[in-house]
Amino acid sequence: MSLSEARFHDLVDATQQALEDLFDEADLDLDMENSAGVLIIKFENGSQLIFSRQEPLRQLWMADKSGGFHFDYDEDNGKWTCEKTGELLGEMLERIVLGHVGEELDFDEI
């Protein structure tokens, strides 16, 4: 069953807020911008992570220098899952952020 529009927006908002909180607490040298539902994380090395919502598909999209990834929300496990690879958003972020900043962050709650 597809997510309702309201539930989808609530989930994306909560995920983006959790990401902002996590990056704030990580004490990394980065900039964040959240505007019109798009969250941009800019790292010191010039790399960026861009999170946006794709309302018609009920997907959370993430863009990184390694590519674009589309995530569907899995109600059973309460996590965003990549439609191509099956990898959880948190798992992918741990790997990507480690590559950008050389530090491991805990994205288990994402």
PDB file of N, CA and C in Angstrom:
ATOM      1  N   MET A   1       0.843  -1.190   0.000  1.00  0.00           N
ATOM      2  CA  MET A   1       0.000   0.000   0.000  1.00  0.00           C
ATOM      3  C   MET A   1       0.888   1.253   0.000  1.00  0.00           C
ATOM      4  N   SER A   2       0.530   2.198  -0.783  1.00  0.00           N
ATOM      5  CA  SER A   2       1.301   3.427  -0.917  1.00  0.00           C
ATOM      6  C   SER A   2       1.082   4.331   0.296  1.00  0.00           C
ATOM      7  N   LEU A   3       2.084   5.123   0.610  1.00  0.00           N
ATOM      8  CA  LEU A   3       1.967   6.089   1.694  1.00  0.00           C
ATOM      9  C   LEU A   3       0.980   7.178   1.315  1.00  0.00           C
ATOM     10  N   SER A   4       0.250   7.667   2.290  1.00  0.00           N
ATOM     11  CA  SER A   4      -0.594   8.834   2.033  1.00  0.00           C
ATOM     12  C   SER A   4       0.321  10.043   1.867  1.00  0.00           C
ATOM     13  N   GLU A   5      -0.174  11.074   1.241  1.00  0.00           N
ATOM     14  CA  GLU A   5       0.625  12.274   1.018  1.00  0.00           C
ATOM     15  C   GLU A   5       1.081  12.869   2.349  1.00  0.00           C
ATOM     16  N   ALA A   6       0.161  12.949   3.317  1.00  0.00           N
ATOM     17  CA  ALA A   6       0.496  13.532   4.614  1.00  0.00           C
ATOM     18  C   ALA A   6       1.557  12.700   5.337  1.00  0.00           C
ATOM     19  N   ARG A   7       1.404  11.387   5.327  1.00  0.00           N
ATOM     20  CA  ARG A   7       2.380  10.506   6.000  1.00  0.00           C
ATOM     21  C   ARG A   7       3.747  10.627   5.324  1.00  0.00           C
ATOM     22  N   PHE A   8       3.757  10.663   3.996  1.00  0.00           N
ATOM     23  CA  PHE A   8       4.998  10.811   3.258  1.00  0.00           C
ATOM     24  C   PHE A   8       5.730  12.093   3.676  1.00  0.00           C
ATOM     25  N   HIS A   9       5.022  13.220   3.705  1.00  0.00           N
ATOM     26  CA  HIS A   9       5.646  14.491   4.067  1.00  0.00           C
ATOM     27  C   HIS A   9       6.135  14.457   5.522  1.00  0.00           C
ATOM     28  N   ASP A  10       5.348  13.853   6.413  1.00  0.00           N
ATOM     29  CA  ASP A  10       5.770  13.738   7.814  1.00  0.00           C
ATOM     30  C   ASP A  10       7.055  12.922   7.924  1.00  0.00           C
ATOM     31  N   LEU A  11       7.148  11.823   7.176  1.00  0.00           N
ATOM     32  CA  LEU A  11       8.330  10.962   7.214  1.00  0.00           C
ATOM     33  C   LEU A  11       9.567  11.678   6.671  1.00  0.00           C
ATOM     34  N   VAL A  12       9.405  12.374   5.555  1.00  0.00           N
ATOM     35  CA  VAL A  12      10.548  13.104   4.983  1.00  0.00           C
ATOM     36  C   VAL A  12      10.974  14.224   5.922  1.00  0.00           C
ATOM     37  N   ASP A  13      10.006  14.960   6.471  1.00  0.00           N
ATOM     38  CA  ASP A  13      10.343  16.039   7.405  1.00  0.00           C
ATOM     39  C   ASP A  13      11.098  15.488   8.612  1.00  0.00           C
ATOM     40  N   ALA A  14      10.620  14.390   9.164  1.00  0.00           N
ATOM     41  CA  ALA A  14      11.265  13.787  10.332  1.00  0.00           C
ATOM     42  C   ALA A  14      12.670  13.284   9.989  1.00  0.00           C
ATOM     43  N   THR A  15      12.826  12.710   8.811  1.00  0.00           N
ATOM     44  CA  THR A  15      14.133  12.206   8.387  1.00  0.00           C
ATOM     45  C   THR A  15      15.111  13.363   8.192  1.00  0.00           C
ATOM     46  N   GLN A  16      14.664  14.419   7.529  1.00  0.00           N
ATOM     47  CA  GLN A  16      15.543  15.566   7.312  1.00  0.00           C
ATOM     48  C   GLN A  16      15.913  16.223   8.641  1.00  0.00           C
ATOM     49  N   GLN A  17      14.969  16.308   9.578  1.00  0.00           N
ATOM     50  CA  GLN A  17      15.279  16.897  10.886  1.00  0.00           C
ATOM     51  C   GLN A  17      16.269  16.019  11.642  1.00  0.00           C
ATOM     52  N   ALA A  18      16.094  14.708  11.575  1.00  0.00           N
ATOM     53  CA  ALA A  18      17.021  13.785  12.238  1.00  0.00           C
ATOM     54  C   ALA A  18      18.428  13.922  11.649  1.00  0.00           C
ATOM     55  N   LEU A  19      18.512  14.091  10.327  1.00  0.00           N
ATOM     56  CA  LEU A  19      19.814  14.286   9.681  1.00  0.00           C
ATOM     57  C   LEU A  19      20.457  15.594  10.135  1.00  0.00           C
ATOM     58  N   GLU A  20      19.671  16.659  10.173  1.00  0.00           N
ATOM     59  CA  GLU A  20      20.204  17.946  10.633  1.00  0.00           C
ATOM     60  C   GLU A  20      20.717  17.828  12.066  1.00  0.00           C
ATOM     61  N   ASP A  21      19.943  17.195  12.939  1.00  0.00           N
ATOM     62  CA  ASP A  21      20.346  17.035  14.335  1.00  0.00           C
ATOM     63  C   ASP A  21      21.636  16.223  14.437  1.00  0.00           C
ATOM     64  N   LEU A  22      21.716  15.148  13.678  1.00  0.00           N
ATOM     65  CA  LEU A  22      22.889  14.283  13.726  1.00  0.00           C
ATOM     66  C   LEU A  22      24.138  15.020  13.257  1.00  0.00           C
ATOM     67  N   PHE A  23      24.010  15.742  12.152  1.00  0.00           N
ATOM     68  CA  PHE A  23      25.164  16.494  11.654  1.00  0.00           C
ATOM     69  C   PHE A  23      25.535  17.634  12.601  1.00  0.00           C
ATOM     70  N   ASP A  24      24.537  18.290  13.221  1.00  0.00           N
ATOM     71  CA  ASP A  24      24.821  19.341  14.208  1.00  0.00           C
ATOM     72  C   ASP A  24      25.635  18.788  15.372  1.00  0.00           C
ATOM     73  N   GLU A  25      25.243  17.631  15.863  1.00  0.00           N
ATOM     74  CA  GLU A  25      25.885  17.025  17.029  1.00  0.00           C
ATOM     75  C   GLU A  25      27.257  16.437  16.691  1.00  0.00           C
ATOM     76  N   ALA A  26      27.519  16.207  15.411  1.00  0.00           N
ATOM     77  CA  ALA A  26      28.769  15.546  15.009  1.00  0.00           C
ATOM     78  C   ALA A  26      29.983  16.464  15.084  1.00  0.00           C
ATOM     79  N   ASP A  27      29.764  17.758  15.196  1.00  0.00           N
ATOM     80  CA  ASP A  27      30.857  18.712  15.308  1.00  0.00           C
ATOM     81  C   ASP A  27      31.820  18.628  14.118  1.00  0.00           C
ATOM     82  N   LEU A  28      31.247  18.505  12.934  1.00  0.00           N
ATOM     83  CA  LEU A  28      32.034  18.493  11.704  1.00  0.00           C
ATOM     84  C   LEU A  28      32.018  19.882  11.085  1.00  0.00           C
ATOM     85  N   ASP A  29      32.998  20.162  10.243  1.00  0.00           N
ATOM     86  CA  ASP A  29      33.041  21.427   9.529  1.00  0.00           C
ATOM     87  C   ASP A  29      32.199  21.284   8.268  1.00  0.00           C
ATOM     88  N   LEU A  30      30.940  21.700   8.356  1.00  0.00           N
ATOM     89  CA  LEU A  30      30.027  21.605   7.215  1.00  0.00           C
ATOM     90  C   LEU A  30      28.975  22.689   7.320  1.00  0.00           C
ATOM     91  N   ASP A  31      28.292  22.895   6.220  1.00  0.00           N
ATOM     92  CA  ASP A  31      27.181  23.839   6.175  1.00  0.00           C
ATOM     93  C   ASP A  31      25.927  23.077   5.786  1.00  0.00           C
ATOM     94  N   MET A  32      24.807  23.494   6.358  1.00  0.00           N
ATOM     95  CA  MET A  32      23.522  22.878   6.012  1.00  0.00           C
ATOM     96  C   MET A  32      22.537  23.958   5.590  1.00  0.00           C
ATOM     97  N   GLU A  33      21.733  23.597   4.635  1.00  0.00           N
ATOM     98  CA  GLU A  33      20.687  24.500   4.165  1.00  0.00           C
ATOM     99  C   GLU A  33      19.434  23.670   3.926  1.00  0.00           C
ATOM    100  N   ASN A  34      18.333  24.107   4.517  1.00  0.00           N
ATOM    101  CA  ASN A  34      17.066  23.413   4.307  1.00  0.00           C
ATOM    102  C   ASN A  34      16.067  24.444   3.808  1.00  0.00           C
ATOM    103  N   SER A  35      15.680  24.290   2.540  1.00  0.00           N
ATOM    104  CA  SER A  35      14.783  25.259   1.931  1.00  0.00           C
ATOM    105  C   SER A  35      13.832  24.546   0.982  1.00  0.00           C
ATOM    106  N   ALA A  36      12.552  24.851   1.124  1.00  0.00           N
ATOM    107  CA  ALA A  36      11.521  24.287   0.240  1.00  0.00           C
ATOM    108  C   ALA A  36      11.575  22.756   0.193  1.00  0.00           C
ATOM    109  N   GLY A  37      11.859  22.152   1.344  1.00  0.00           N
ATOM    110  CA  GLY A  37      11.858  20.698   1.415  1.00  0.00           C
ATOM    111  C   GLY A  37      13.105  20.021   0.888  1.00  0.00           C
ATOM    112  N   VAL A  38      14.134  20.808   0.568  1.00  0.00           N
ATOM    113  CA  VAL A  38      15.395  20.254   0.080  1.00  0.00           C
ATOM    114  C   VAL A  38      16.474  20.528   1.133  1.00  0.00           C
ATOM    115  N   LEU A  39      17.125  19.470   1.583  1.00  0.00           N
ATOM    116  CA  LEU A  39      18.201  19.587   2.565  1.00  0.00           C
ATOM    117  C   LEU A  39      19.532  19.380   1.856  1.00  0.00           C
ATOM    118  N   ILE A  40      20.423  20.359   2.004  1.00  0.00           N
ATOM    119  CA  ILE A  40      21.746  20.285   1.378  1.00  0.00           C
ATOM    120  C   ILE A  40      22.793  20.298   2.484  1.00  0.00           C
ATOM    121  N   ILE A  41      23.667  19.298   2.467  1.00  0.00           N
ATOM    122  CA  ILE A  41      24.792  19.210   3.389  1.00  0.00           C
ATOM    123  C   ILE A  41      26.046  19.480   2.569  1.00  0.00           C
ATOM    124  N   LYS A  42      26.783  20.516   2.928  1.00  0.00           N
ATOM    125  CA  LYS A  42      28.003  20.881   2.200  1.00  0.00           C
ATOM    126  C   LYS A  42      29.203  20.600   3.103  1.00  0.00           C
ATOM    127  N   PHE A  43      30.065  19.691   2.645  1.00  0.00           N
ATOM    128  CA  PHE A  43      31.232  19.293   3.425  1.00  0.00           C
ATOM    129  C   PHE A  43      32.428  20.188   3.104  1.00  0.00           C
ATOM    130  N   GLU A  44      33.395  20.189   4.012  1.00  0.00           N
ATOM    131  CA  GLU A  44      34.583  21.012   3.881  1.00  0.00           C
ATOM    132  C   GLU A  44      35.345  20.711   2.587  1.00  0.00           C
ATOM    133  N   ASN A  45      35.300  19.460   2.125  1.00  0.00           N
ATOM    134  CA  ASN A  45      36.044  19.077   0.913  1.00  0.00           C
ATOM    135  C   ASN A  45      35.321  19.469  -0.377  1.00  0.00           C
ATOM    136  N   GLY A  46      34.184  20.165  -0.248  1.00  0.00           N
ATOM    137  CA  GLY A  46      33.444  20.612  -1.420  1.00  0.00           C
ATOM    138  C   GLY A  46      32.343  19.661  -1.854  1.00  0.00           C
ATOM    139  N   SER A  47      32.321  18.469  -1.300  1.00  0.00           N
ATOM    140  CA  SER A  47      31.261  17.502  -1.624  1.00  0.00           C
ATOM    141  C   SER A  47      29.946  17.930  -0.992  1.00  0.00           C
ATOM    142  N   GLN A  48      28.860  17.464  -1.591  1.00  0.00           N
ATOM    143  CA  GLN A  48      27.530  17.777  -1.075  1.00  0.00           C
ATOM    144  C   GLN A  48      26.669  16.527  -1.062  1.00  0.00           C
ATOM    145  N   LEU A  49      25.756  16.503  -0.110  1.00  0.00           N
ATOM    146  CA  LEU A  49      24.641  15.553  -0.119  1.00  0.00           C
ATOM    147  C   LEU A  49      23.377  16.386  -0.258  1.00  0.00           C
ATOM    148  N   ILE A  50      22.516  15.985  -1.177  1.00  0.00           N
ATOM    149  CA  ILE A  50      21.271  16.721  -1.397  1.00  0.00           C
ATOM    150  C   ILE A  50      20.113  15.746  -1.225  1.00  0.00           C
ATOM    151  N   PHE A  51      19.217  16.086  -0.302  1.00  0.00           N
ATOM    152  CA  PHE A  51      18.041  15.253  -0.034  1.00  0.00           C
ATOM    153  C   PHE A  51      16.805  16.013  -0.499  1.00  0.00           C
ATOM    154  N   SER A  52      16.012  15.367  -1.332  1.00  0.00           N
ATOM    155  CA  SER A  52      14.782  16.002  -1.803  1.00  0.00           C
ATOM    156  C   SER A  52      13.653  14.984  -1.818  1.00  0.00           C
ATOM    157  N   ARG A  53      12.445  15.514  -1.809  1.00  0.00           N
ATOM    158  CA  ARG A  53      11.275  14.635  -1.826  1.00  0.00           C
ATOM    159  C   ARG A  53      10.695  14.578  -3.226  1.00  0.00           C
ATOM    160  N   GLN A  54      10.315  13.396  -3.619  1.00  0.00           N
ATOM    161  CA  GLN A  54       9.638  13.215  -4.905  1.00  0.00           C
ATOM    162  C   GLN A  54       8.226  12.761  -4.596  1.00  0.00           C
ATOM    163  N   GLU A  55       7.361  13.752  -4.446  1.00  0.00           N
ATOM    164  CA  GLU A  55       6.000  13.502  -3.977  1.00  0.00           C
ATOM    165  C   GLU A  55       5.210  12.529  -4.850  1.00  0.00           C
ATOM    166  N   PRO A  56       5.224  12.669  -6.180  1.00  0.00           N
ATOM    167  CA  PRO A  56       4.407  11.743  -6.989  1.00  0.00           C
ATOM    168  C   PRO A  56       4.798  10.274  -6.790  1.00  0.00           C
ATOM    169  N   LEU A  57       6.088  10.032  -6.529  1.00  0.00           N
ATOM    170  CA  LEU A  57       6.571   8.657  -6.355  1.00  0.00           C
ATOM    171  C   LEU A  57       6.628   8.254  -4.888  1.00  0.00           C
ATOM    172  N   ARG A  58       6.393   9.221  -3.985  1.00  0.00           N
ATOM    173  CA  ARG A  58       6.506   8.984  -2.541  1.00  0.00           C
ATOM    174  C   ARG A  58       7.901   8.450  -2.194  1.00  0.00           C
ATOM    175  N   GLN A  59       8.914   9.104  -2.780  1.00  0.00           N
ATOM    176  CA  GLN A  59      10.291   8.691  -2.551  1.00  0.00           C
ATOM    177  C   GLN A  59      11.116   9.845  -1.993  1.00  0.00           C
ATOM    178  N   LEU A  60      12.129   9.473  -1.225  1.00  0.00           N
ATOM    179  CA  LEU A  60      13.156  10.397  -0.782  1.00  0.00           C
ATOM    180  C   LEU A  60      14.345  10.178  -1.699  1.00  0.00           C
ATOM    181  N   TRP A  61      14.823  11.247  -2.325  1.00  0.00           N
ATOM    182  CA  TRP A  61      15.956  11.139  -3.238  1.00  0.00           C
ATOM    183  C   TRP A  61      17.180  11.751  -2.579  1.00  0.00           C
ATOM    184  N   MET A  62      18.321  11.104  -2.805  1.00  0.00           N
ATOM    185  CA  MET A  62      19.587  11.613  -2.301  1.00  0.00           C
ATOM    186  C   MET A  62      20.566  11.676  -3.465  1.00  0.00           C
ATOM    187  N   ALA A  63      21.209  12.823  -3.603  1.00  0.00           N
ATOM    188  CA  ALA A  63      22.239  12.985  -4.633  1.00  0.00           C
ATOM    189  C   ALA A  63      23.577  13.159  -3.942  1.00  0.00           C
ATOM    190  N   ASP A  64      24.569  12.491  -4.500  1.00  0.00           N
ATOM    191  CA  ASP A  64      25.944  12.533  -4.001  1.00  0.00           C
ATOM    192  C   ASP A  64      26.835  12.464  -5.230  1.00  0.00           C
ATOM    193  N   LYS A  65      28.119  12.784  -5.058  1.00  0.00           N
ATOM    194  CA  LYS A  65      29.003  12.709  -6.225  1.00  0.00           C
ATOM    195  C   LYS A  65      29.061  11.294  -6.794  1.00  0.00           C
ATOM    196  N   SER A  66      28.712  10.292  -6.000  1.00  0.00           N
ATOM    197  CA  SER A  66      28.718   8.905  -6.485  1.00  0.00           C
ATOM    198  C   SER A  66      27.450   8.551  -7.258  1.00  0.00           C
ATOM    199  N   GLY A  67      26.444   9.439  -7.235  1.00  0.00           N
ATOM    200  CA  GLY A  67      25.240   9.174  -8.009  1.00  0.00           C
ATOM    201  C   GLY A  67      23.981   9.645  -7.309  1.00  0.00           C
ATOM    202  N   GLY A  68      22.863   9.318  -7.929  1.00  0.00           N
ATOM    203  CA  GLY A  68      21.556   9.641  -7.366  1.00  0.00           C
ATOM    204  C   GLY A  68      20.887   8.369  -6.889  1.00  0.00           C
ATOM    205  N   PHE A  69      20.240   8.450  -5.734  1.00  0.00           N
ATOM    206  CA  PHE A  69      19.636   7.276  -5.132  1.00  0.00           C
ATOM    207  C   PHE A  69      18.195   7.578  -4.735  1.00  0.00           C
ATOM    208  N   HIS A  70      17.323   6.628  -4.992  1.00  0.00           N
ATOM    209  CA  HIS A  70      15.901   6.788  -4.711  1.00  0.00           C
ATOM    210  C   HIS A  70      15.508   5.809  -3.609  1.00  0.00           C
ATOM    211  N   PHE A  71      14.875   6.329  -2.559  1.00  0.00           N
ATOM    212  CA  PHE A  71      14.523   5.520  -1.402  1.00  0.00           C
ATOM    213  C   PHE A  71      13.016   5.458  -1.218  1.00  0.00           C
ATOM    214  N   ASP A  72      12.541   4.239  -0.995  1.00  0.00           N
ATOM    215  CA  ASP A  72      11.145   3.999  -0.646  1.00  0.00           C
ATOM    216  C   ASP A  72      11.082   3.728   0.846  1.00  0.00           C
ATOM    217  N   TYR A  73       9.994   4.156   1.486  1.00  0.00           N
ATOM    218  CA  TYR A  73       9.853   3.914   2.910  1.00  0.00           C
ATOM    219  C   TYR A  73       9.254   2.531   3.129  1.00  0.00           C
ATOM    220  N   ASP A  74       9.930   1.740   3.949  1.00  0.00           N
ATOM    221  CA  ASP A  74       9.473   0.391   4.275  1.00  0.00           C
ATOM    222  C   ASP A  74       8.768   0.453   5.627  1.00  0.00           C
ATOM    223  N   GLU A  75       7.447   0.376   5.597  1.00  0.00           N
ATOM    224  CA  GLU A  75       6.657   0.466   6.836  1.00  0.00           C
ATOM    225  C   GLU A  75       6.989  -0.675   7.800  1.00  0.00           C
ATOM    226  N   ASP A  76       7.361  -1.842   7.261  1.00  0.00           N
ATOM    227  CA  ASP A  76       7.629  -3.001   8.119  1.00  0.00           C
ATOM    228  C   ASP A  76       8.828  -2.776   9.032  1.00  0.00           C
ATOM    229  N   ASN A  77       9.894  -2.176   8.488  1.00  0.00           N
ATOM    230  CA  ASN A  77      11.069  -1.959   9.335  1.00  0.00           C
ATOM    231  C   ASN A  77      11.261  -0.489   9.712  1.00  0.00           C
ATOM    232  N   GLY A  78      10.390   0.378   9.215  1.00  0.00           N
ATOM    233  CA  GLY A  78      10.468   1.791   9.572  1.00  0.00           C
ATOM    234  C   GLY A  78      11.710   2.495   9.057  1.00  0.00           C
ATOM    235  N   LYS A  79      12.195   2.082   7.882  1.00  0.00           N
ATOM    236  CA  LYS A  79      13.430   2.653   7.323  1.00  0.00           C
ATOM    237  C   LYS A  79      13.240   2.971   5.837  1.00  0.00           C
ATOM    238  N   TRP A  80      14.045   3.907   5.354  1.00  0.00           N
ATOM    239  CA  TRP A  80      14.108   4.213   3.927  1.00  0.00           C
ATOM    240  C   TRP A  80      15.065   3.214   3.280  1.00  0.00           C
ATOM    241  N   THR A  81      14.640   2.607   2.182  1.00  0.00           N
ATOM    242  CA  THR A  81      15.413   1.566   1.506  1.00  0.00           C
ATOM    243  C   THR A  81      15.638   1.959   0.047  1.00  0.00           C
ATOM    244  N   CYS A  82      16.878   1.839  -0.419  1.00  0.00           N
ATOM    245  CA  CYS A  82      17.211   2.185  -1.801  1.00  0.00           C
ATOM    246  C   CYS A  82      16.510   1.231  -2.751  1.00  0.00           C
ATOM    247  N   GLU A  83      15.792   1.779  -3.738  1.00  0.00           N
ATOM    248  CA  GLU A  83      15.028   0.929  -4.646  1.00  0.00           C
ATOM    249  C   GLU A  83      15.925   0.087  -5.544  1.00  0.00           C
ATOM    250  N   LYS A  84      17.149   0.562  -5.813  1.00  0.00           N
ATOM    251  CA  LYS A  84      18.054  -0.187  -6.699  1.00  0.00           C
ATOM    252  C   LYS A  84      18.847  -1.264  -5.972  1.00  0.00           C
ATOM    253  N   THR A  85      19.401  -0.895  -4.811  1.00  0.00           N
ATOM    254  CA  THR A  85      20.344  -1.786  -4.139  1.00  0.00           C
ATOM    255  C   THR A  85      19.761  -2.509  -2.929  1.00  0.00           C
ATOM    256  N   GLY A  86      18.664  -1.995  -2.389  1.00  0.00           N
ATOM    257  CA  GLY A  86      18.095  -2.568  -1.179  1.00  0.00           C
ATOM    258  C   GLY A  86      18.809  -2.110   0.088  1.00  0.00           C
ATOM    259  N   GLU A  87      19.835  -1.255  -0.074  1.00  0.00           N
ATOM    260  CA  GLU A  87      20.587  -0.760   1.078  1.00  0.00           C
ATOM    261  C   GLU A  87      19.748   0.269   1.842  1.00  0.00           C
ATOM    262  N   LEU A  88      19.857   0.241   3.153  1.00  0.00           N
ATOM    263  CA  LEU A  88      19.144   1.217   3.965  1.00  0.00           C
ATOM    264  C   LEU A  88      19.825   2.579   3.856  1.00  0.00           C
ATOM    265  N   LEU A  89      19.036   3.641   3.960  1.00  0.00           N
ATOM    266  CA  LEU A  89      19.573   4.995   3.876  1.00  0.00           C
ATOM    267  C   LEU A  89      20.686   5.199   4.900  1.00  0.00           C
ATOM    268  N   GLY A  90      20.473   4.777   6.128  1.00  0.00           N
ATOM    269  CA  GLY A  90      21.481   4.947   7.167  1.00  0.00           C
ATOM    270  C   GLY A  90      22.786   4.245   6.848  1.00  0.00           C
ATOM    271  N   GLU A  91      22.695   3.036   6.299  1.00  0.00           N
ATOM    272  CA  GLU A  91      23.896   2.286   5.929  1.00  0.00           C
ATOM    273  C   GLU A  91      24.663   3.017   4.827  1.00  0.00           C
ATOM    274  N   MET A  92      23.943   3.491   3.837  1.00  0.00           N
ATOM    275  CA  MET A  92      24.576   4.195   2.726  1.00  0.00           C
ATOM    276  C   MET A  92      25.226   5.489   3.219  1.00  0.00           C
ATOM    277  N   LEU A  93      24.541   6.198   4.109  1.00  0.00           N
ATOM    278  CA  LEU A  93      25.080   7.448   4.632  1.00  0.00           C
ATOM    279  C   LEU A  93      26.352   7.216   5.445  1.00  0.00           C
ATOM    280  N   GLU A  94      26.389   6.145   6.221  1.00  0.00           N
ATOM    281  CA  GLU A  94      27.596   5.846   6.995  1.00  0.00           C
ATOM    282  C   GLU A  94      28.796   5.710   6.066  1.00  0.00           C
ATOM    283  N   ARG A  95      28.610   4.984   4.983  1.00  0.00           N
ATOM    284  CA  ARG A  95      29.685   4.755   4.014  1.00  0.00           C
ATOM    285  C   ARG A  95      30.074   6.047   3.292  1.00  0.00           C
ATOM    286  N   ILE A  96      29.078   6.789   2.830  1.00  0.00           N
ATOM    287  CA  ILE A  96      29.332   8.013   2.061  1.00  0.00           C
ATOM    288  C   ILE A  96      29.983   9.087   2.933  1.00  0.00           C
ATOM    289  N   VAL A  97      29.460   9.297   4.134  1.00  0.00           N
ATOM    290  CA  VAL A  97      30.005  10.332   5.012  1.00  0.00           C
ATOM    291  C   VAL A  97      31.422   9.977   5.450  1.00  0.00           C
ATOM    292  N   LEU A  98      31.684   8.725   5.708  1.00  0.00           N
ATOM    293  CA  LEU A  98      33.043   8.288   6.044  1.00  0.00           C
ATOM    294  C   LEU A  98      33.998   8.678   4.912  1.00  0.00           C
ATOM    295  N   GLY A  99      33.566   8.505   3.669  1.00  0.00           N
ATOM    296  CA  GLY A  99      34.382   8.881   2.522  1.00  0.00           C
ATOM    297  C   GLY A  99      34.604  10.383   2.412  1.00  0.00           C
ATOM    298  N   HIS A 100      33.617  11.170   2.833  1.00  0.00           N
ATOM    299  CA  HIS A 100      33.728  12.633   2.728  1.00  0.00           C
ATOM    300  C   HIS A 100      34.554  13.252   3.854  1.00  0.00           C
ATOM    301  N   VAL A 101      34.381  12.740   5.073  1.00  0.00           N
ATOM    302  CA  VAL A 101      35.003  13.414   6.222  1.00  0.00           C
ATOM    303  C   VAL A 101      35.974  12.527   6.994  1.00  0.00           C
ATOM    304  N   GLY A 102      36.059  11.253   6.640  1.00  0.00           N
ATOM    305  CA  GLY A 102      36.990  10.360   7.318  1.00  0.00           C
ATOM    306  C   GLY A 102      36.573   9.991   8.726  1.00  0.00           C
ATOM    307  N   GLU A 103      35.302  10.243   9.060  1.00  0.00           N
ATOM    308  CA  GLU A 103      34.787   9.899  10.381  1.00  0.00           C
ATOM    309  C   GLU A 103      33.545   9.046  10.234  1.00  0.00           C
ATOM    310  N   GLU A 104      33.403   8.106  11.168  1.00  0.00           N
ATOM    311  CA  GLU A 104      32.203   7.278  11.184  1.00  0.00           C
ATOM    312  C   GLU A 104      31.141   7.959  12.024  1.00  0.00           C
ATOM    313  N   LEU A 105      29.982   8.136  11.451  1.00  0.00           N
ATOM    314  CA  LEU A 105      28.833   8.644  12.191  1.00  0.00           C
ATOM    315  C   LEU A 105      27.807   7.521  12.283  1.00  0.00           C
ATOM    316  N   ASP A 106      27.012   7.575  13.325  1.00  0.00           N
ATOM    317  CA  ASP A 106      26.010   6.535  13.557  1.00  0.00           C
ATOM    318  C   ASP A 106      24.670   6.991  12.987  1.00  0.00           C
ATOM    319  N   PHE A 107      24.295   6.385  11.879  1.00  0.00           N
ATOM    320  CA  PHE A 107      23.024   6.708  11.219  1.00  0.00           C
ATOM    321  C   PHE A 107      21.970   5.628  11.457  1.00  0.00           C
ATOM    322  N   ASP A 108      22.132   4.822  12.501  1.00  0.00           N
ATOM    323  CA  ASP A 108      21.211   3.711  12.747  1.00  0.00           C
ATOM    324  C   ASP A 108      19.758   4.154  12.891  1.00  0.00           C
ATOM    325  N   GLU A 109      19.557   5.343  13.412  1.00  0.00           N
ATOM    326  CA  GLU A 109      18.184   5.814  13.664  1.00  0.00           C
ATOM    327  C   GLU A 109      17.534   6.452  12.421  1.00  0.00           C
ATOM    328  N   ILE A 110      18.285   6.577  11.365  1.00  0.00           N
ATOM    329  CA  ILE A 110      17.764   7.230  10.138  1.00  0.00           C
ATOM    330  C   ILE A 110      17.018   6.206   9.300  1.00  0.00           C
TER     331      ILE A 110
END
